[in-house]
Amino acid sequence: MKEGKKWYNDVIMVGSLLFIIPPVGIYGIYKSETIPRLWKNTVYSSLIIVAVIFLLVYLF
């Protein structure tokens, strides 16, 4: 069986999926071996901040 490039190692594909289908894009960032750890942490931090803001707006 031929080993090709995995979809989650394609930075452009993962970036596009992050905006088009966010859950799939987040999974792609998690699985990616080519996206640097700094960018992974930045995306995760941004998602947490947005979730907290939405939660605060909903509660108050």
PDB file of N, CA and C in Angstrom:
ATOM      1  N   MET A   1       0.836  -1.182   0.000  1.00  0.00           N
ATOM      2  CA  MET A   1       0.000   0.000   0.000  1.00  0.00           C
ATOM      3  C   MET A   1       0.881   1.245   0.000  1.00  0.00           C
ATOM      4  N   LYS A   2       0.538   2.180  -0.824  1.00  0.00           N
ATOM      5  CA  LYS A   2       1.329   3.401  -0.974  1.00  0.00           C
ATOM      6  C   LYS A   2       1.044   4.369   0.174  1.00  0.00           C
ATOM      7  N   GLU A   3       2.112   4.865   0.770  1.00  0.00           N
ATOM      8  CA  GLU A   3       1.986   5.848   1.847  1.00  0.00           C
ATOM      9  C   GLU A   3       2.059   7.248   1.263  1.00  0.00           C
ATOM     10  N   GLY A   4       0.978   7.997   1.362  1.00  0.00           N
ATOM     11  CA  GLY A   4       0.944   9.375   0.877  1.00  0.00           C
ATOM     12  C   GLY A   4       1.013  10.340   2.043  1.00  0.00           C
ATOM     13  N   LYS A   5       0.959  11.596   1.711  1.00  0.00           N
ATOM     14  CA  LYS A   5       0.956  12.627   2.740  1.00  0.00           C
ATOM     15  C   LYS A   5      -0.411  12.643   3.411  1.00  0.00           C
ATOM     16  N   LYS A   6      -0.414  12.579   4.716  1.00  0.00           N
ATOM     17  CA  LYS A   6      -1.669  12.603   5.468  1.00  0.00           C
ATOM     18  C   LYS A   6      -2.285  13.993   5.390  1.00  0.00           C
ATOM     19  N   TRP A   7      -3.608  14.048   5.387  1.00  0.00           N
ATOM     20  CA  TRP A   7      -4.306  15.329   5.244  1.00  0.00           C
ATOM     21  C   TRP A   7      -3.977  16.262   6.399  1.00  0.00           C
ATOM     22  N   TYR A   8      -3.760  15.723   7.583  1.00  0.00           N
ATOM     23  CA  TYR A   8      -3.501  16.571   8.743  1.00  0.00           C
ATOM     24  C   TYR A   8      -2.063  17.086   8.794  1.00  0.00           C
ATOM     25  N   ASN A   9      -1.211  16.620   7.913  1.00  0.00           N
ATOM     26  CA  ASN A   9       0.142  17.163   7.811  1.00  0.00           C
ATOM     27  C   ASN A   9       0.246  18.240   6.737  1.00  0.00           C
ATOM     28  N   ASP A  10      -0.853  18.519   6.051  1.00  0.00           N
ATOM     29  CA  ASP A  10      -0.910  19.586   5.056  1.00  0.00           C
ATOM     30  C   ASP A  10      -1.413  20.852   5.754  1.00  0.00           C
ATOM     31  N   VAL A  11      -0.521  21.810   5.943  1.00  0.00           N
ATOM     32  CA  VAL A  11      -0.824  23.015   6.722  1.00  0.00           C
ATOM     33  C   VAL A  11      -1.972  23.809   6.104  1.00  0.00           C
ATOM     34  N   ILE A  12      -2.000  23.930   4.795  1.00  0.00           N
ATOM     35  CA  ILE A  12      -3.064  24.690   4.129  1.00  0.00           C
ATOM     36  C   ILE A  12      -4.413  23.991   4.308  1.00  0.00           C
ATOM     37  N   MET A  13      -4.427  22.670   4.205  1.00  0.00           N
ATOM     38  CA  MET A  13      -5.668  21.914   4.390  1.00  0.00           C
ATOM     39  C   MET A  13      -6.199  22.087   5.811  1.00  0.00           C
ATOM     40  N   VAL A  14      -5.331  21.962   6.793  1.00  0.00           N
ATOM     41  CA  VAL A  14      -5.762  22.095   8.187  1.00  0.00           C
ATOM     42  C   VAL A  14      -6.237  23.519   8.469  1.00  0.00           C
ATOM     43  N   GLY A  15      -5.530  24.507   7.943  1.00  0.00           N
ATOM     44  CA  GLY A  15      -5.948  25.896   8.131  1.00  0.00           C
ATOM     45  C   GLY A  15      -7.301  26.176   7.508  1.00  0.00           C
ATOM     46  N   SER A  16      -7.536  25.625   6.337  1.00  0.00           N
ATOM     47  CA  SER A  16      -8.836  25.803   5.681  1.00  0.00           C
ATOM     48  C   SER A  16      -9.943  25.114   6.463  1.00  0.00           C
ATOM     49  N   LEU A  17      -9.676  23.902   6.911  1.00  0.00           N
ATOM     50  CA  LEU A  17     -10.685  23.169   7.670  1.00  0.00           C
ATOM     51  C   LEU A  17     -10.982  23.829   9.009  1.00  0.00           C
ATOM     52  N   LEU A  18     -10.001  24.523   9.556  1.00  0.00           N
ATOM     53  CA  LEU A  18     -10.212  25.217  10.828  1.00  0.00           C
ATOM     54  C   LEU A  18     -11.284  26.285  10.688  1.00  0.00           C
ATOM     55  N   PHE A  19     -11.390  26.910   9.515  1.00  0.00           N
ATOM     56  CA  PHE A  19     -12.409  27.933   9.288  1.00  0.00           C
ATOM     57  C   PHE A  19     -13.704  27.357   8.716  1.00  0.00           C
ATOM     58  N   ILE A  20     -13.603  26.305   7.889  1.00  0.00           N
ATOM     59  CA  ILE A  20     -14.788  25.744   7.239  1.00  0.00           C
ATOM     60  C   ILE A  20     -15.524  24.777   8.174  1.00  0.00           C
ATOM     61  N   ILE A  21     -14.787  23.826   8.740  1.00  0.00           N
ATOM     62  CA  ILE A  21     -15.356  22.828   9.658  1.00  0.00           C
ATOM     63  C   ILE A  21     -14.455  22.796  10.898  1.00  0.00           C
ATOM     64  N   PRO A  22     -14.684  23.692  11.848  1.00  0.00           N
ATOM     65  CA  PRO A  22     -13.777  23.832  12.994  1.00  0.00           C
ATOM     66  C   PRO A  22     -13.453  22.544  13.757  1.00  0.00           C
ATOM     67  N   PRO A  23     -14.397  21.654  14.053  1.00  0.00           N
ATOM     68  CA  PRO A  23     -14.007  20.445  14.788  1.00  0.00           C
ATOM     69  C   PRO A  23     -12.982  19.585  14.043  1.00  0.00           C
ATOM     70  N   VAL A  24     -13.120  19.497  12.734  1.00  0.00           N
ATOM     71  CA  VAL A  24     -12.169  18.714  11.940  1.00  0.00           C
ATOM     72  C   VAL A  24     -10.816  19.424  11.899  1.00  0.00           C
ATOM     73  N   GLY A  25     -10.835  20.752  11.795  1.00  0.00           N
ATOM     74  CA  GLY A  25      -9.594  21.520  11.797  1.00  0.00           C
ATOM     75  C   GLY A  25      -8.839  21.397  13.111  1.00  0.00           C
ATOM     76  N   ILE A  26      -9.571  21.405  14.223  1.00  0.00           N
ATOM     77  CA  ILE A  26      -8.935  21.251  15.537  1.00  0.00           C
ATOM     78  C   ILE A  26      -8.308  19.867  15.658  1.00  0.00           C
ATOM     79  N   TYR A  27      -9.010  18.853  15.182  1.00  0.00           N
ATOM     80  CA  TYR A  27      -8.457  17.500  15.185  1.00  0.00           C
ATOM     81  C   TYR A  27      -7.202  17.428  14.315  1.00  0.00           C
ATOM     82  N   GLY A  28      -7.239  18.101  13.170  1.00  0.00           N
ATOM     83  CA  GLY A  28      -6.071  18.131  12.287  1.00  0.00           C
ATOM     84  C   GLY A  28      -4.874  18.793  12.941  1.00  0.00           C
ATOM     85  N   ILE A  29      -5.112  19.864  13.684  1.00  0.00           N
ATOM     86  CA  ILE A  29      -4.015  20.524  14.401  1.00  0.00           C
ATOM     87  C   ILE A  29      -3.451  19.579  15.453  1.00  0.00           C
ATOM     88  N   TYR A  30      -4.334  18.887  16.159  1.00  0.00           N
ATOM     89  CA  TYR A  30      -3.906  17.952  17.198  1.00  0.00           C
ATOM     90  C   TYR A  30      -3.040  16.833  16.620  1.00  0.00           C
ATOM     91  N   LYS A  31      -3.435  16.279  15.475  1.00  0.00           N
ATOM     92  CA  LYS A  31      -2.726  15.150  14.875  1.00  0.00           C
ATOM     93  C   LYS A  31      -1.490  15.543  14.068  1.00  0.00           C
ATOM     94  N   SER A  32      -1.396  16.795  13.667  1.00  0.00           N
ATOM     95  CA  SER A  32      -0.345  17.222  12.749  1.00  0.00           C
ATOM     96  C   SER A  32       1.051  17.054  13.337  1.00  0.00           C
ATOM     97  N   GLU A  33       1.948  16.596  12.488  1.00  0.00           N
ATOM     98  CA  GLU A  33       3.354  16.471  12.859  1.00  0.00           C
ATOM     99  C   GLU A  33       4.177  17.606  12.259  1.00  0.00           C
ATOM    100  N   THR A  34       3.563  18.421  11.397  1.00  0.00           N
ATOM    101  CA  THR A  34       4.295  19.490  10.724  1.00  0.00           C
ATOM    102  C   THR A  34       4.020  20.867  11.306  1.00  0.00           C
ATOM    103  N   ILE A  35       2.910  21.033  12.015  1.00  0.00           N
ATOM    104  CA  ILE A  35       2.592  22.329  12.618  1.00  0.00           C
ATOM    105  C   ILE A  35       3.379  22.450  13.915  1.00  0.00           C
ATOM    106  N   PRO A  36       4.149  23.542  14.075  1.00  0.00           N
ATOM    107  CA  PRO A  36       4.970  23.707  15.280  1.00  0.00           C
ATOM    108  C   PRO A  36       4.126  23.793  16.554  1.00  0.00           C
ATOM    109  N   ARG A  37       4.704  23.363  17.655  1.00  0.00           N
ATOM    110  CA  ARG A  37       4.036  23.344  18.957  1.00  0.00           C
ATOM    111  C   ARG A  37       3.533  24.738  19.344  1.00  0.00           C
ATOM    112  N   LEU A  38       4.283  25.795  19.008  1.00  0.00           N
ATOM    113  CA  LEU A  38       3.871  27.163  19.332  1.00  0.00           C
ATOM    114  C   LEU A  38       2.531  27.495  18.683  1.00  0.00           C
ATOM    115  N   TRP A  39       2.347  27.126  17.413  1.00  0.00           N
ATOM    116  CA  TRP A  39       1.091  27.409  16.717  1.00  0.00           C
ATOM    117  C   TRP A  39      -0.049  26.574  17.282  1.00  0.00           C
ATOM    118  N   LYS A  40       0.249  25.334  17.647  1.00  0.00           N
ATOM    119  CA  LYS A  40      -0.781  24.495  18.260  1.00  0.00           C
ATOM    120  C   LYS A  40      -1.268  25.129  19.557  1.00  0.00           C
ATOM    121  N   ASN A  41      -0.328  25.546  20.401  1.00  0.00           N
ATOM    122  CA  ASN A  41      -0.702  26.166  21.673  1.00  0.00           C
ATOM    123  C   ASN A  41      -1.439  27.479  21.463  1.00  0.00           C
ATOM    124  N   THR A  42      -1.060  28.239  20.452  1.00  0.00           N
ATOM    125  CA  THR A  42      -1.745  29.499  20.153  1.00  0.00           C
ATOM    126  C   THR A  42      -3.198  29.241  19.758  1.00  0.00           C
ATOM    127  N   VAL A  43      -3.427  28.265  18.912  1.00  0.00           N
ATOM    128  CA  VAL A  43      -4.796  27.946  18.486  1.00  0.00           C
ATOM    129  C   VAL A  43      -5.619  27.441  19.664  1.00  0.00           C
ATOM    130  N   TYR A  44      -5.056  26.541  20.464  1.00  0.00           N
ATOM    131  CA  TYR A  44      -5.787  26.022  21.621  1.00  0.00           C
ATOM    132  C   TYR A  44      -6.119  27.143  22.603  1.00  0.00           C
ATOM    133  N   SER A  45      -5.166  28.032  22.856  1.00  0.00           N
ATOM    134  CA  SER A  45      -5.400  29.150  23.774  1.00  0.00           C
ATOM    135  C   SER A  45      -6.491  30.072  23.248  1.00  0.00           C
ATOM    136  N   SER A  46      -6.457  30.352  21.960  1.00  0.00           N
ATOM    137  CA  SER A  46      -7.480  31.214  21.356  1.00  0.00           C
ATOM    138  C   SER A  46      -8.865  30.594  21.484  1.00  0.00           C
ATOM    139  N   LEU A  47      -8.961  29.307  21.258  1.00  0.00           N
ATOM    140  CA  LEU A  47     -10.251  28.625  21.375  1.00  0.00           C
ATOM    141  C   LEU A  47     -10.772  28.658  22.809  1.00  0.00           C
ATOM    142  N   ILE A  48      -9.885  28.488  23.769  1.00  0.00           N
ATOM    143  CA  ILE A  48     -10.294  28.539  25.173  1.00  0.00           C
ATOM    144  C   ILE A  48     -10.764  29.938  25.540  1.00  0.00           C
ATOM    145  N   ILE A  49     -10.050  30.955  25.089  1.00  0.00           N
ATOM    146  CA  ILE A  49     -10.443  32.338  25.378  1.00  0.00           C
ATOM    147  C   ILE A  49     -11.810  32.646  24.772  1.00  0.00           C
ATOM    148  N   VAL A  50     -12.035  32.246  23.538  1.00  0.00           N
ATOM    149  CA  VAL A  50     -13.331  32.480  22.890  1.00  0.00           C
ATOM    150  C   VAL A  50     -14.440  31.736  23.636  1.00  0.00           C
ATOM    151  N   ALA A  51     -14.184  30.505  24.049  1.00  0.00           N
ATOM    152  CA  ALA A  51     -15.193  29.732  24.780  1.00  0.00           C
ATOM    153  C   ALA A  51     -15.533  30.392  26.112  1.00  0.00           C
ATOM    154  N   VAL A  52     -14.528  30.899  26.819  1.00  0.00           N
ATOM    155  CA  VAL A  52     -14.764  31.573  28.099  1.00  0.00           C
ATOM    156  C   VAL A  52     -15.559  32.855  27.885  1.00  0.00           C
ATOM    157  N   ILE A  53     -15.235  33.613  26.856  1.00  0.00           N
ATOM    158  CA  ILE A  53     -15.974  34.851  26.565  1.00  0.00           C
ATOM    159  C   ILE A  53     -17.437  34.530  26.260  1.00  0.00           C
ATOM    160  N   PHE A  54     -17.683  33.522  25.423  1.00  0.00           N
ATOM    161  CA  PHE A  54     -19.064  33.138  25.122  1.00  0.00           C
ATOM    162  C   PHE A  54     -19.799  32.684  26.388  1.00  0.00           C
ATOM    163  N   LEU A  55     -19.117  31.955  27.242  1.00  0.00           N
ATOM    164  CA  LEU A  55     -19.729  31.497  28.484  1.00  0.00           C
ATOM    165  C   LEU A  55     -20.081  32.672  29.393  1.00  0.00           C
ATOM    166  N   LEU A  56     -19.174  33.634  29.505  1.00  0.00           N
ATOM    167  CA  LEU A  56     -19.439  34.809  30.336  1.00  0.00           C
ATOM    168  C   LEU A  56     -20.583  35.646  29.781  1.00  0.00           C
ATOM    169  N   VAL A  57     -20.627  35.798  28.476  1.00  0.00           N
ATOM    170  CA  VAL A  57     -21.719  36.557  27.856  1.00  0.00           C
ATOM    171  C   VAL A  57     -23.052  35.837  28.088  1.00  0.00           C
ATOM    172  N   TYR A  58     -23.032  34.526  27.997  1.00  0.00           N
ATOM    173  CA  TYR A  58     -24.255  33.755  28.196  1.00  0.00           C
ATOM    174  C   TYR A  58     -24.745  33.850  29.647  1.00  0.00           C
ATOM    175  N   LEU A  59     -23.819  33.806  30.604  1.00  0.00           N
ATOM    176  CA  LEU A  59     -24.198  33.825  32.014  1.00  0.00           C
ATOM    177  C   LEU A  59     -24.599  35.202  32.511  1.00  0.00           C
ATOM    178  N   PHE A  60     -24.020  36.245  31.949  1.00  0.00           N
ATOM    179  CA  PHE A  60     -24.306  37.601  32.442  1.00  0.00           C
ATOM    180  C   PHE A  60     -24.975  38.351  31.364  1.00  0.00           C
TER     181      PHE A  60
END
